[in-house]
Amino acid sequence: MANESNPNPLLVVISAPSGAGKTTLCERTLATRPQMTRAITCTTRPPRSEEQDGVHYYFLEAGDFLRRVQAGNFLEHATVHGNSYGTLKSEVLGKLRTGQDVLLNVDVQGAAAVRAQADKDPELKRALVTVFLAPTSIAQLEDRLRKRAQDSTEVIQKRLAAARHELGQWRNFEYVIMTSSIEEDLRRMLAILDAEAMKQHRTVLPAYD
């Protein structure tokens, strides 16, 4: 059970197409909410020079990762560019049970996997809140991707094709934030968190005499 300081913590899953501003929104949300933490993801890719195991990622051998997949240990997992990534169920539940709100930054496929797991686990289902961050148009998304100057034109076109599919999944999320300024996106995100914390099933009233 979650501790008494926060008996009903949130598991907040946020998804968006690449370039929509999801990472920035997650960073701002975490900076604003000291009681919220991110779930540390497992990966089979080697650590970069500045990365620490258990801080930035849990770095696993491919065989160990596969064994965990086969054992059903992951809430969600995927392989990207030859490397596997996944979020352990124990990582999320462990933090929820200490009263921490947990933020998961995943794609729409990962969000679907988390929803499926929550449907089988009352503890996860009680905590789960899903948010989709959507651009106002494909043109806006393309402009953001080009301004990042991180990808070739070919890669950008692949990201836009994937985005069109991902945008079609928005109805599977409880909340949708249409991107605006960084400050306005954060304001809307915090409003969602405040509203969810006050929902009847998460509210504990004192014993009135």
N, C-alpha and C. Protein backbone atom coordinates (compact mmCIF):
# COMPACT_ATOMS: atom_id res chain seq x y z
N MET A 1 0.84 -1.20 0.00
CA MET A 1 0.00 0.00 0.00
C MET A 1 0.87 1.25 0.00
N ALA A 2 0.37 2.32 -0.57
CA ALA A 2 1.09 3.60 -0.54
C ALA A 2 1.14 4.12 0.89
N ASN A 3 2.14 4.95 1.18
CA ASN A 3 2.26 5.39 2.56
C ASN A 3 1.21 6.44 2.89
N GLU A 4 1.12 6.78 4.18
CA GLU A 4 0.02 7.63 4.64
C GLU A 4 0.13 9.07 4.14
N SER A 5 1.33 9.52 3.79
CA SER A 5 1.48 10.91 3.34
C SER A 5 0.80 11.13 1.99
N ASN A 6 0.71 10.10 1.18
CA ASN A 6 0.02 10.18 -0.11
C ASN A 6 -0.57 8.80 -0.40
N PRO A 7 -1.73 8.50 0.16
CA PRO A 7 -2.29 7.15 0.04
C PRO A 7 -2.80 6.81 -1.36
N ASN A 8 -2.93 7.80 -2.22
CA ASN A 8 -3.46 7.57 -3.56
C ASN A 8 -2.59 8.24 -4.63
N PRO A 9 -1.37 7.77 -4.79
CA PRO A 9 -0.48 8.38 -5.77
C PRO A 9 -0.94 8.10 -7.21
N LEU A 10 -0.45 8.92 -8.13
CA LEU A 10 -0.82 8.83 -9.53
C LEU A 10 0.27 8.15 -10.36
N LEU A 11 -0.15 7.36 -11.33
CA LEU A 11 0.74 6.87 -12.37
C LEU A 11 0.34 7.60 -13.64
N VAL A 12 1.12 8.58 -14.03
CA VAL A 12 0.78 9.46 -15.15
C VAL A 12 1.55 9.01 -16.38
N VAL A 13 0.83 8.58 -17.40
CA VAL A 13 1.42 8.15 -18.67
C VAL A 13 1.18 9.24 -19.70
N ILE A 14 2.26 9.76 -20.27
CA ILE A 14 2.12 10.80 -21.28
C ILE A 14 2.75 10.32 -22.58
N SER A 15 1.99 10.48 -23.66
CA SER A 15 2.45 10.08 -24.99
C SER A 15 2.26 11.24 -25.96
N ALA A 16 3.04 11.19 -27.05
CA ALA A 16 2.93 12.21 -28.09
C ALA A 16 3.77 11.76 -29.27
N PRO A 17 3.48 12.25 -30.46
CA PRO A 17 4.37 12.00 -31.59
C PRO A 17 5.73 12.67 -31.36
N SER A 18 6.75 12.15 -32.01
CA SER A 18 8.08 12.74 -31.91
C SER A 18 8.05 14.19 -32.37
N GLY A 19 8.62 15.08 -31.54
CA GLY A 19 8.68 16.49 -31.88
C GLY A 19 7.56 17.34 -31.30
N ALA A 20 6.61 16.70 -30.61
CA ALA A 20 5.46 17.45 -30.08
C ALA A 20 5.79 18.20 -28.79
N GLY A 21 6.91 17.89 -28.16
CA GLY A 21 7.29 18.58 -26.93
C GLY A 21 7.09 17.77 -25.68
N LYS A 22 6.96 16.46 -25.83
CA LYS A 22 6.67 15.58 -24.69
C LYS A 22 7.80 15.59 -23.66
N THR A 23 9.04 15.49 -24.12
CA THR A 23 10.17 15.44 -23.19
C THR A 23 10.28 16.73 -22.39
N THR A 24 10.11 17.87 -23.05
CA THR A 24 10.15 19.15 -22.36
C THR A 24 9.04 19.25 -21.32
N LEU A 25 7.83 18.82 -21.69
CA LEU A 25 6.71 18.87 -20.75
C LEU A 25 6.97 17.97 -19.56
N CYS A 26 7.53 16.79 -19.78
CA CYS A 26 7.84 15.89 -18.66
C CYS A 26 8.88 16.51 -17.74
N GLU A 27 9.92 17.10 -18.31
CA GLU A 27 10.97 17.72 -17.49
C GLU A 27 10.41 18.86 -16.66
N ARG A 28 9.57 19.70 -17.26
CA ARG A 28 8.98 20.83 -16.53
C ARG A 28 8.03 20.33 -15.44
N THR A 29 7.28 19.30 -15.73
CA THR A 29 6.35 18.76 -14.74
C THR A 29 7.10 18.21 -13.54
N LEU A 30 8.15 17.45 -13.79
CA LEU A 30 8.95 16.88 -12.70
C LEU A 30 9.61 17.98 -11.87
N ALA A 31 10.06 19.04 -12.53
CA ALA A 31 10.70 20.15 -11.81
C ALA A 31 9.71 20.88 -10.92
N THR A 32 8.43 20.87 -11.31
CA THR A 32 7.40 21.59 -10.57
C THR A 32 6.79 20.76 -9.45
N ARG A 33 6.82 19.46 -9.59
CA ARG A 33 6.17 18.54 -8.65
C ARG A 33 7.22 17.70 -7.92
N PRO A 34 7.70 18.15 -6.75
CA PRO A 34 8.74 17.39 -6.05
C PRO A 34 8.29 16.01 -5.58
N GLN A 35 6.97 15.80 -5.44
CA GLN A 35 6.48 14.50 -5.02
C GLN A 35 6.34 13.53 -6.18
N MET A 36 6.67 13.99 -7.38
CA MET A 36 6.58 13.14 -8.58
C MET A 36 7.98 12.71 -9.01
N THR A 37 8.09 11.48 -9.46
CA THR A 37 9.37 10.96 -9.94
C THR A 37 9.14 10.24 -11.25
N ARG A 38 10.17 10.10 -12.04
CA ARG A 38 10.04 9.33 -13.27
C ARG A 38 10.37 7.86 -12.99
N ALA A 39 9.78 6.99 -13.75
CA ALA A 39 10.13 5.58 -13.68
C ALA A 39 11.43 5.38 -14.46
N ILE A 40 12.41 4.73 -13.85
CA ILE A 40 13.68 4.47 -14.52
C ILE A 40 13.50 3.28 -15.45
N THR A 41 13.86 3.47 -16.70
CA THR A 41 13.66 2.47 -17.75
C THR A 41 14.85 1.53 -17.85
N CYS A 42 14.60 0.29 -18.20
CA CYS A 42 15.66 -0.67 -18.52
C CYS A 42 16.03 -0.55 -19.99
N THR A 43 17.29 -0.78 -20.32
CA THR A 43 17.71 -0.79 -21.71
C THR A 43 18.87 -1.75 -21.91
N THR A 44 18.98 -2.26 -23.14
CA THR A 44 20.10 -3.12 -23.48
C THR A 44 21.22 -2.34 -24.16
N ARG A 45 21.02 -1.07 -24.43
CA ARG A 45 22.11 -0.31 -25.05
C ARG A 45 23.18 0.01 -24.03
N PRO A 46 24.43 0.17 -24.45
CA PRO A 46 25.50 0.48 -23.50
C PRO A 46 25.35 1.89 -22.94
N PRO A 47 25.78 2.10 -21.70
CA PRO A 47 25.68 3.44 -21.11
C PRO A 47 26.62 4.43 -21.79
N ARG A 48 26.16 5.67 -21.91
CA ARG A 48 27.04 6.74 -22.38
C ARG A 48 27.91 7.20 -21.22
N SER A 49 28.92 8.00 -21.53
CA SER A 49 29.94 8.34 -20.53
C SER A 49 29.36 8.99 -19.28
N GLU A 50 28.29 9.79 -19.44
CA GLU A 50 27.75 10.52 -18.30
C GLU A 50 26.64 9.76 -17.58
N GLU A 51 26.27 8.59 -18.06
CA GLU A 51 25.12 7.87 -17.53
C GLU A 51 25.51 6.88 -16.43
N GLN A 52 24.65 6.80 -15.43
CA GLN A 52 24.87 5.89 -14.30
C GLN A 52 23.75 4.86 -14.23
N ASP A 53 24.14 3.62 -13.99
CA ASP A 53 23.15 2.56 -13.83
C ASP A 53 22.30 2.83 -12.60
N GLY A 54 20.99 2.70 -12.75
CA GLY A 54 20.07 2.94 -11.65
C GLY A 54 19.69 4.40 -11.47
N VAL A 55 20.32 5.29 -12.24
CA VAL A 55 19.99 6.72 -12.19
C VAL A 55 19.34 7.15 -13.50
N HIS A 56 20.05 6.91 -14.60
CA HIS A 56 19.52 7.27 -15.91
C HIS A 56 18.73 6.11 -16.52
N TYR A 57 19.28 4.91 -16.41
CA TYR A 57 18.64 3.68 -16.87
C TYR A 57 19.10 2.54 -15.97
N TYR A 58 18.40 1.41 -16.09
CA TYR A 58 18.95 0.14 -15.64
C TYR A 58 19.52 -0.53 -16.88
N PHE A 59 20.83 -0.71 -16.92
CA PHE A 59 21.49 -1.27 -18.09
C PHE A 59 21.57 -2.79 -17.95
N LEU A 60 20.89 -3.50 -18.86
CA LEU A 60 20.78 -4.95 -18.79
C LEU A 60 21.42 -5.60 -20.00
N GLU A 61 21.95 -6.81 -19.81
CA GLU A 61 22.37 -7.62 -20.94
C GLU A 61 21.13 -8.09 -21.69
N ALA A 62 21.30 -8.34 -22.99
CA ALA A 62 20.16 -8.73 -23.82
C ALA A 62 19.48 -9.99 -23.29
N GLY A 63 20.25 -10.95 -22.83
CA GLY A 63 19.68 -12.18 -22.31
C GLY A 63 18.85 -11.95 -21.06
N ASP A 64 19.35 -11.09 -20.17
CA ASP A 64 18.62 -10.76 -18.95
C ASP A 64 17.32 -10.04 -19.28
N PHE A 65 17.38 -9.14 -20.25
CA PHE A 65 16.17 -8.41 -20.66
C PHE A 65 15.13 -9.39 -21.20
N LEU A 66 15.56 -10.31 -22.05
CA LEU A 66 14.65 -11.28 -22.64
C LEU A 66 14.01 -12.16 -21.56
N ARG A 67 14.80 -12.57 -20.59
CA ARG A 67 14.25 -13.39 -19.50
C ARG A 67 13.16 -12.63 -18.74
N ARG A 68 13.37 -11.35 -18.55
CA ARG A 68 12.37 -10.53 -17.85
C ARG A 68 11.11 -10.37 -18.70
N VAL A 69 11.29 -10.24 -20.01
CA VAL A 69 10.12 -10.19 -20.90
C VAL A 69 9.32 -11.48 -20.78
N GLN A 70 10.01 -12.61 -20.85
CA GLN A 70 9.35 -13.91 -20.81
C GLN A 70 8.67 -14.16 -19.46
N ALA A 71 9.21 -13.56 -18.40
CA ALA A 71 8.63 -13.71 -17.07
C ALA A 71 7.47 -12.74 -16.83
N GLY A 72 7.22 -11.85 -17.79
CA GLY A 72 6.13 -10.89 -17.63
C GLY A 72 6.44 -9.77 -16.66
N ASN A 73 7.72 -9.42 -16.53
CA ASN A 73 8.12 -8.40 -15.55
C ASN A 73 7.87 -6.97 -16.00
N PHE A 74 7.69 -6.76 -17.31
CA PHE A 74 7.59 -5.41 -17.83
C PHE A 74 6.15 -4.94 -17.97
N LEU A 75 5.94 -3.67 -17.62
CA LEU A 75 4.66 -3.03 -17.93
C LEU A 75 4.56 -2.78 -19.43
N GLU A 76 5.66 -2.37 -20.02
CA GLU A 76 5.72 -2.13 -21.46
C GLU A 76 7.17 -2.28 -21.88
N HIS A 77 7.37 -2.69 -23.13
CA HIS A 77 8.73 -2.80 -23.65
C HIS A 77 8.69 -2.70 -25.16
N ALA A 78 9.81 -2.32 -25.76
CA ALA A 78 9.90 -2.17 -27.20
C ALA A 78 11.36 -2.24 -27.61
N THR A 79 11.59 -2.51 -28.88
CA THR A 79 12.93 -2.50 -29.44
C THR A 79 13.02 -1.34 -30.44
N VAL A 80 14.02 -0.48 -30.23
CA VAL A 80 14.21 0.71 -31.06
C VAL A 80 15.66 0.74 -31.53
N HIS A 81 15.84 0.77 -32.87
CA HIS A 81 17.18 0.82 -33.46
C HIS A 81 18.09 -0.27 -32.91
N GLY A 82 17.52 -1.45 -32.74
CA GLY A 82 18.31 -2.61 -32.31
C GLY A 82 18.52 -2.75 -30.81
N ASN A 83 18.06 -1.77 -30.04
CA ASN A 83 18.18 -1.83 -28.58
C ASN A 83 16.80 -1.97 -27.95
N SER A 84 16.73 -2.72 -26.87
CA SER A 84 15.46 -2.93 -26.18
C SER A 84 15.32 -1.97 -25.00
N TYR A 85 14.09 -1.53 -24.78
CA TYR A 85 13.76 -0.64 -23.67
C TYR A 85 12.50 -1.16 -23.00
N GLY A 86 12.40 -0.98 -21.69
CA GLY A 86 11.19 -1.42 -21.01
C GLY A 86 11.08 -0.85 -19.61
N THR A 87 9.85 -0.79 -19.13
CA THR A 87 9.57 -0.29 -17.78
C THR A 87 9.11 -1.46 -16.91
N LEU A 88 9.85 -1.71 -15.85
CA LEU A 88 9.52 -2.82 -14.96
C LEU A 88 8.29 -2.49 -14.11
N LYS A 89 7.41 -3.47 -13.97
CA LYS A 89 6.24 -3.31 -13.11
C LYS A 89 6.68 -3.05 -11.68
N SER A 90 7.73 -3.73 -11.23
CA SER A 90 8.22 -3.56 -9.86
C SER A 90 8.75 -2.16 -9.62
N GLU A 91 9.34 -1.54 -10.64
CA GLU A 91 9.85 -0.17 -10.53
C GLU A 91 8.70 0.80 -10.26
N VAL A 92 7.62 0.64 -11.01
CA VAL A 92 6.48 1.55 -10.88
C VAL A 92 5.75 1.31 -9.56
N LEU A 93 5.43 0.07 -9.26
CA LEU A 93 4.69 -0.23 -8.03
C LEU A 93 5.51 0.13 -6.79
N GLY A 94 6.81 -0.10 -6.85
CA GLY A 94 7.66 0.23 -5.70
C GLY A 94 7.59 1.71 -5.36
N LYS A 95 7.59 2.56 -6.38
CA LYS A 95 7.53 4.00 -6.14
C LYS A 95 6.13 4.45 -5.73
N LEU A 96 5.10 3.87 -6.36
CA LEU A 96 3.74 4.21 -5.95
C LEU A 96 3.51 3.88 -4.48
N ARG A 97 4.06 2.75 -4.04
CA ARG A 97 3.83 2.29 -2.66
C ARG A 97 4.57 3.12 -1.63
N THR A 98 5.52 3.96 -2.06
CA THR A 98 6.16 4.90 -1.13
C THR A 98 5.44 6.25 -1.14
N GLY A 99 4.33 6.33 -1.89
CA GLY A 99 3.56 7.57 -1.93
C GLY A 99 4.00 8.54 -2.99
N GLN A 100 4.86 8.11 -3.90
CA GLN A 100 5.33 9.00 -4.97
C GLN A 100 4.42 8.89 -6.19
N ASP A 101 4.11 10.03 -6.80
CA ASP A 101 3.49 10.02 -8.11
C ASP A 101 4.57 9.63 -9.11
N VAL A 102 4.19 8.84 -10.11
CA VAL A 102 5.16 8.33 -11.09
C VAL A 102 4.78 8.82 -12.48
N LEU A 103 5.78 9.31 -13.22
CA LEU A 103 5.57 9.80 -14.58
C LEU A 103 6.24 8.86 -15.57
N LEU A 104 5.47 8.40 -16.55
CA LEU A 104 5.99 7.54 -17.61
C LEU A 104 5.89 8.28 -18.94
N ASN A 105 7.01 8.40 -19.62
CA ASN A 105 7.10 9.03 -20.94
C ASN A 105 7.24 7.91 -21.96
N VAL A 106 6.15 7.54 -22.63
CA VAL A 106 6.17 6.40 -23.56
C VAL A 106 5.42 6.74 -24.84
N ASP A 107 5.63 5.93 -25.89
CA ASP A 107 4.89 6.12 -27.13
C ASP A 107 3.49 5.52 -26.98
N VAL A 108 2.68 5.65 -28.03
CA VAL A 108 1.29 5.20 -27.91
C VAL A 108 1.20 3.69 -27.73
N GLN A 109 2.15 2.95 -28.31
CA GLN A 109 2.17 1.50 -28.14
C GLN A 109 2.47 1.14 -26.69
N GLY A 110 3.43 1.86 -26.09
CA GLY A 110 3.74 1.64 -24.68
C GLY A 110 2.57 1.98 -23.78
N ALA A 111 1.88 3.08 -24.11
CA ALA A 111 0.71 3.47 -23.32
C ALA A 111 -0.38 2.40 -23.38
N ALA A 112 -0.58 1.81 -24.57
CA ALA A 112 -1.57 0.75 -24.71
C ALA A 112 -1.20 -0.46 -23.86
N ALA A 113 0.09 -0.78 -23.81
CA ALA A 113 0.55 -1.90 -22.98
C ALA A 113 0.31 -1.62 -21.50
N VAL A 114 0.56 -0.40 -21.07
CA VAL A 114 0.34 -0.03 -19.67
C VAL A 114 -1.15 -0.12 -19.33
N ARG A 115 -2.00 0.37 -20.22
CA ARG A 115 -3.45 0.28 -19.99
C ARG A 115 -3.88 -1.18 -19.86
N ALA A 116 -3.34 -2.04 -20.72
CA ALA A 116 -3.70 -3.46 -20.65
C ALA A 116 -3.27 -4.09 -19.34
N GLN A 117 -2.09 -3.72 -18.86
CA GLN A 117 -1.61 -4.23 -17.57
C GLN A 117 -2.48 -3.70 -16.43
N ALA A 118 -2.87 -2.43 -16.53
CA ALA A 118 -3.70 -1.83 -15.47
C ALA A 118 -5.08 -2.48 -15.41
N ASP A 119 -5.58 -2.93 -16.55
CA ASP A 119 -6.88 -3.59 -16.56
C ASP A 119 -6.87 -4.88 -15.76
N LYS A 120 -5.67 -5.45 -15.56
CA LYS A 120 -5.53 -6.71 -14.81
C LYS A 120 -5.05 -6.49 -13.38
N ASP A 121 -4.73 -5.25 -13.03
CA ASP A 121 -4.13 -4.98 -11.72
C ASP A 121 -4.85 -3.78 -11.09
N PRO A 122 -5.68 -3.99 -10.08
CA PRO A 122 -6.45 -2.89 -9.47
C PRO A 122 -5.58 -1.76 -8.92
N GLU A 123 -4.40 -2.10 -8.43
CA GLU A 123 -3.51 -1.07 -7.88
C GLU A 123 -3.04 -0.11 -8.97
N LEU A 124 -2.67 -0.66 -10.11
CA LEU A 124 -2.26 0.18 -11.24
C LEU A 124 -3.45 0.94 -11.81
N LYS A 125 -4.58 0.27 -11.92
CA LYS A 125 -5.77 0.90 -12.51
C LYS A 125 -6.21 2.09 -11.68
N ARG A 126 -6.14 1.96 -10.37
CA ARG A 126 -6.54 3.06 -9.49
C ARG A 126 -5.65 4.28 -9.68
N ALA A 127 -4.38 4.05 -9.97
CA ALA A 127 -3.40 5.14 -10.06
C ALA A 127 -3.32 5.76 -11.45
N LEU A 128 -3.73 5.02 -12.48
CA LEU A 128 -3.42 5.40 -13.85
C LEU A 128 -4.16 6.64 -14.35
N VAL A 129 -3.39 7.54 -14.97
CA VAL A 129 -3.92 8.72 -15.66
C VAL A 129 -3.18 8.80 -16.99
N THR A 130 -3.90 8.89 -18.12
CA THR A 130 -3.24 8.93 -19.43
C THR A 130 -3.47 10.27 -20.11
N VAL A 131 -2.39 10.82 -20.66
CA VAL A 131 -2.41 12.14 -21.29
C VAL A 131 -1.75 12.05 -22.66
N PHE A 132 -2.40 12.63 -23.65
CA PHE A 132 -1.84 12.68 -25.00
C PHE A 132 -1.56 14.14 -25.36
N LEU A 133 -0.33 14.39 -25.79
CA LEU A 133 0.09 15.74 -26.20
C LEU A 133 0.07 15.78 -27.73
N ALA A 134 -0.78 16.63 -28.29
CA ALA A 134 -0.99 16.65 -29.74
C ALA A 134 -0.58 17.98 -30.34
N PRO A 135 0.09 17.96 -31.49
CA PRO A 135 0.38 19.21 -32.20
C PRO A 135 -0.90 19.75 -32.83
N THR A 136 -0.90 21.01 -33.16
CA THR A 136 -2.09 21.59 -33.80
C THR A 136 -2.22 21.15 -35.25
N SER A 137 -1.11 20.70 -35.86
CA SER A 137 -1.15 20.23 -37.24
C SER A 137 0.12 19.45 -37.54
N ILE A 138 0.09 18.68 -38.63
CA ILE A 138 1.29 17.98 -39.08
C ILE A 138 2.36 18.99 -39.50
N ALA A 139 1.91 20.10 -40.07
CA ALA A 139 2.87 21.14 -40.49
C ALA A 139 3.63 21.70 -39.29
N GLN A 140 2.93 21.90 -38.17
CA GLN A 140 3.60 22.38 -36.96
C GLN A 140 4.62 21.36 -36.47
N LEU A 141 4.25 20.09 -36.53
CA LEU A 141 5.15 19.03 -36.09
C LEU A 141 6.39 18.98 -36.98
N GLU A 142 6.18 19.08 -38.28
CA GLU A 142 7.32 19.06 -39.21
C GLU A 142 8.24 20.25 -38.96
N ASP A 143 7.66 21.42 -38.70
CA ASP A 143 8.46 22.61 -38.42
C ASP A 143 9.32 22.42 -37.18
N ARG A 144 8.73 21.81 -36.14
CA ARG A 144 9.49 21.57 -34.91
C ARG A 144 10.62 20.59 -35.14
N LEU A 145 10.35 19.53 -35.90
CA LEU A 145 11.38 18.53 -36.17
C LEU A 145 12.53 19.14 -36.97
N ARG A 146 12.20 20.00 -37.92
CA ARG A 146 13.26 20.63 -38.72
C ARG A 146 14.08 21.61 -37.88
N LYS A 147 13.42 22.32 -36.97
CA LYS A 147 14.14 23.28 -36.13
C LYS A 147 15.07 22.59 -35.14
N ARG A 148 14.75 21.35 -34.77
CA ARG A 148 15.64 20.60 -33.88
C ARG A 148 16.98 20.30 -34.55
N ALA A 149 16.95 20.20 -35.89
CA ALA A 149 18.15 19.95 -36.69
C ALA A 149 18.91 18.71 -36.23
N GLN A 150 18.16 17.68 -35.84
CA GLN A 150 18.78 16.44 -35.38
C GLN A 150 18.67 15.32 -36.41
N ASP A 151 17.76 15.46 -37.37
CA ASP A 151 17.47 14.36 -38.28
C ASP A 151 17.57 14.80 -39.74
N SER A 152 17.85 13.83 -40.60
CA SER A 152 17.85 14.09 -42.04
C SER A 152 16.41 14.23 -42.53
N THR A 153 16.26 14.73 -43.74
CA THR A 153 14.91 14.87 -44.32
C THR A 153 14.21 13.52 -44.39
N GLU A 154 14.96 12.48 -44.74
CA GLU A 154 14.37 11.13 -44.82
C GLU A 154 13.85 10.68 -43.47
N VAL A 155 14.63 10.89 -42.41
CA VAL A 155 14.22 10.49 -41.06
C VAL A 155 13.01 11.30 -40.62
N ILE A 156 13.00 12.59 -40.93
CA ILE A 156 11.85 13.43 -40.57
C ILE A 156 10.58 12.92 -41.23
N GLN A 157 10.67 12.53 -42.50
CA GLN A 157 9.48 12.01 -43.19
C GLN A 157 8.99 10.72 -42.56
N LYS A 158 9.92 9.88 -42.10
CA LYS A 158 9.53 8.64 -41.40
C LYS A 158 8.85 8.97 -40.08
N ARG A 159 9.38 9.97 -39.38
CA ARG A 159 8.77 10.37 -38.10
C ARG A 159 7.36 10.93 -38.33
N LEU A 160 7.18 11.68 -39.41
CA LEU A 160 5.86 12.25 -39.70
C LEU A 160 4.87 11.16 -40.08
N ALA A 161 5.33 10.16 -40.81
CA ALA A 161 4.45 9.03 -41.14
C ALA A 161 4.02 8.30 -39.88
N ALA A 162 4.97 8.09 -38.96
CA ALA A 162 4.63 7.44 -37.68
C ALA A 162 3.68 8.32 -36.88
N ALA A 163 3.89 9.64 -36.95
CA ALA A 163 3.05 10.57 -36.19
C ALA A 163 1.60 10.50 -36.64
N ARG A 164 1.38 10.35 -37.94
CA ARG A 164 0.00 10.27 -38.44
C ARG A 164 -0.73 9.07 -37.84
N HIS A 165 -0.02 7.97 -37.69
CA HIS A 165 -0.62 6.79 -37.04
C HIS A 165 -0.86 7.07 -35.56
N GLU A 166 0.13 7.65 -34.89
CA GLU A 166 0.01 7.90 -33.45
C GLU A 166 -1.12 8.87 -33.14
N LEU A 167 -1.28 9.88 -33.98
CA LEU A 167 -2.34 10.87 -33.76
C LEU A 167 -3.73 10.24 -33.81
N GLY A 168 -3.84 9.16 -34.56
CA GLY A 168 -5.12 8.47 -34.63
C GLY A 168 -5.50 7.73 -33.36
N GLN A 169 -4.56 7.65 -32.41
CA GLN A 169 -4.80 6.94 -31.16
C GLN A 169 -5.26 7.85 -30.02
N TRP A 170 -5.46 9.14 -30.30
CA TRP A 170 -5.72 10.09 -29.21
C TRP A 170 -6.97 9.76 -28.41
N ARG A 171 -7.95 9.12 -29.02
CA ARG A 171 -9.18 8.80 -28.29
C ARG A 171 -8.98 7.76 -27.20
N ASN A 172 -7.84 7.08 -27.21
CA ASN A 172 -7.57 6.07 -26.19
C ASN A 172 -7.03 6.67 -24.89
N PHE A 173 -6.87 8.00 -24.86
CA PHE A 173 -6.32 8.68 -23.69
C PHE A 173 -7.41 9.46 -22.97
N GLU A 174 -7.26 9.58 -21.66
CA GLU A 174 -8.27 10.30 -20.87
C GLU A 174 -8.23 11.80 -21.12
N TYR A 175 -7.03 12.33 -21.34
CA TYR A 175 -6.85 13.77 -21.53
C TYR A 175 -6.05 14.03 -22.80
N VAL A 176 -6.37 15.13 -23.47
CA VAL A 176 -5.60 15.56 -24.64
C VAL A 176 -5.22 17.02 -24.44
N ILE A 177 -3.92 17.30 -24.56
CA ILE A 177 -3.41 18.67 -24.51
C ILE A 177 -2.98 19.06 -25.92
N MET A 178 -3.63 20.06 -26.49
CA MET A 178 -3.18 20.60 -27.76
C MET A 178 -2.02 21.55 -27.48
N THR A 179 -0.89 21.31 -28.10
CA THR A 179 0.30 22.06 -27.76
C THR A 179 0.14 23.55 -28.04
N SER A 180 0.70 24.32 -27.13
CA SER A 180 0.70 25.77 -27.25
C SER A 180 2.11 26.22 -26.88
N SER A 181 2.26 27.13 -25.95
CA SER A 181 3.59 27.48 -25.45
C SER A 181 4.00 26.46 -24.39
N ILE A 182 5.29 26.42 -24.08
CA ILE A 182 5.78 25.52 -23.03
C ILE A 182 5.07 25.82 -21.72
N GLU A 183 4.89 27.10 -21.43
CA GLU A 183 4.25 27.49 -20.16
C GLU A 183 2.79 27.06 -20.12
N GLU A 184 2.08 27.23 -21.25
CA GLU A 184 0.67 26.86 -21.28
C GLU A 184 0.49 25.35 -21.24
N ASP A 185 1.36 24.61 -21.91
CA ASP A 185 1.28 23.14 -21.84
C ASP A 185 1.48 22.68 -20.40
N LEU A 186 2.44 23.28 -19.70
CA LEU A 186 2.68 22.92 -18.31
C LEU A 186 1.48 23.27 -17.44
N ARG A 187 0.89 24.45 -17.66
CA ARG A 187 -0.28 24.85 -16.87
C ARG A 187 -1.40 23.84 -17.02
N ARG A 188 -1.63 23.41 -18.24
CA ARG A 188 -2.70 22.43 -18.48
C ARG A 188 -2.38 21.08 -17.84
N MET A 189 -1.12 20.69 -17.92
CA MET A 189 -0.72 19.43 -17.31
C MET A 189 -0.91 19.46 -15.80
N LEU A 190 -0.52 20.55 -15.17
CA LEU A 190 -0.68 20.67 -13.72
C LEU A 190 -2.15 20.71 -13.33
N ALA A 191 -2.99 21.32 -14.17
CA ALA A 191 -4.43 21.33 -13.92
C ALA A 191 -4.99 19.91 -13.94
N ILE A 192 -4.51 19.09 -14.87
CA ILE A 192 -4.94 17.69 -14.93
C ILE A 192 -4.54 16.95 -13.65
N LEU A 193 -3.30 17.14 -13.22
CA LEU A 193 -2.83 16.46 -12.01
C LEU A 193 -3.63 16.89 -10.78
N ASP A 194 -3.92 18.17 -10.68
CA ASP A 194 -4.70 18.66 -9.54
C ASP A 194 -6.11 18.08 -9.56
N ALA A 195 -6.72 18.04 -10.74
CA ALA A 195 -8.07 17.49 -10.84
C ALA A 195 -8.10 16.00 -10.49
N GLU A 196 -7.10 15.27 -10.97
CA GLU A 196 -7.06 13.83 -10.69
C GLU A 196 -6.86 13.56 -9.20
N ALA A 197 -6.04 14.37 -8.55
CA ALA A 197 -5.80 14.18 -7.12
C ALA A 197 -7.05 14.40 -6.29
N MET A 198 -7.99 15.19 -6.82
CA MET A 198 -9.22 15.49 -6.08
C MET A 198 -10.40 14.60 -6.46
N LYS A 199 -10.16 13.63 -7.33
CA LYS A 199 -11.25 12.73 -7.69
C LYS A 199 -11.73 11.95 -6.46
N GLN A 200 -13.00 11.64 -6.46
CA GLN A 200 -13.63 11.03 -5.28
C GLN A 200 -12.92 9.75 -4.84
N HIS A 201 -12.53 8.91 -5.79
CA HIS A 201 -11.94 7.63 -5.39
C HIS A 201 -10.51 7.77 -4.88
N ARG A 202 -9.93 8.98 -5.01
CA ARG A 202 -8.58 9.20 -4.47
C ARG A 202 -8.60 10.10 -3.23
N THR A 203 -9.77 10.49 -2.78
CA THR A 203 -9.89 11.43 -1.67
C THR A 203 -10.14 10.67 -0.36
N VAL A 204 -9.40 11.05 0.65
CA VAL A 204 -9.60 10.48 1.98
C VAL A 204 -10.00 11.60 2.92
N LEU A 205 -11.21 11.56 3.41
CA LEU A 205 -11.71 12.59 4.33
C LEU A 205 -11.43 12.19 5.78
N PRO A 206 -11.33 13.17 6.66
CA PRO A 206 -11.15 12.85 8.09
C PRO A 206 -12.41 12.20 8.66
N ALA A 207 -12.26 11.61 9.80
CA ALA A 207 -13.42 11.03 10.49
C ALA A 207 -14.13 12.16 11.22
N TYR A 208 -15.32 12.54 10.73
CA TYR A 208 -16.05 13.65 11.32
C TYR A 208 -16.84 13.16 12.52
N ASP A 209 -16.81 13.95 13.60
CA ASP A 209 -17.57 13.60 14.82
C ASP A 209 -18.99 14.11 14.66
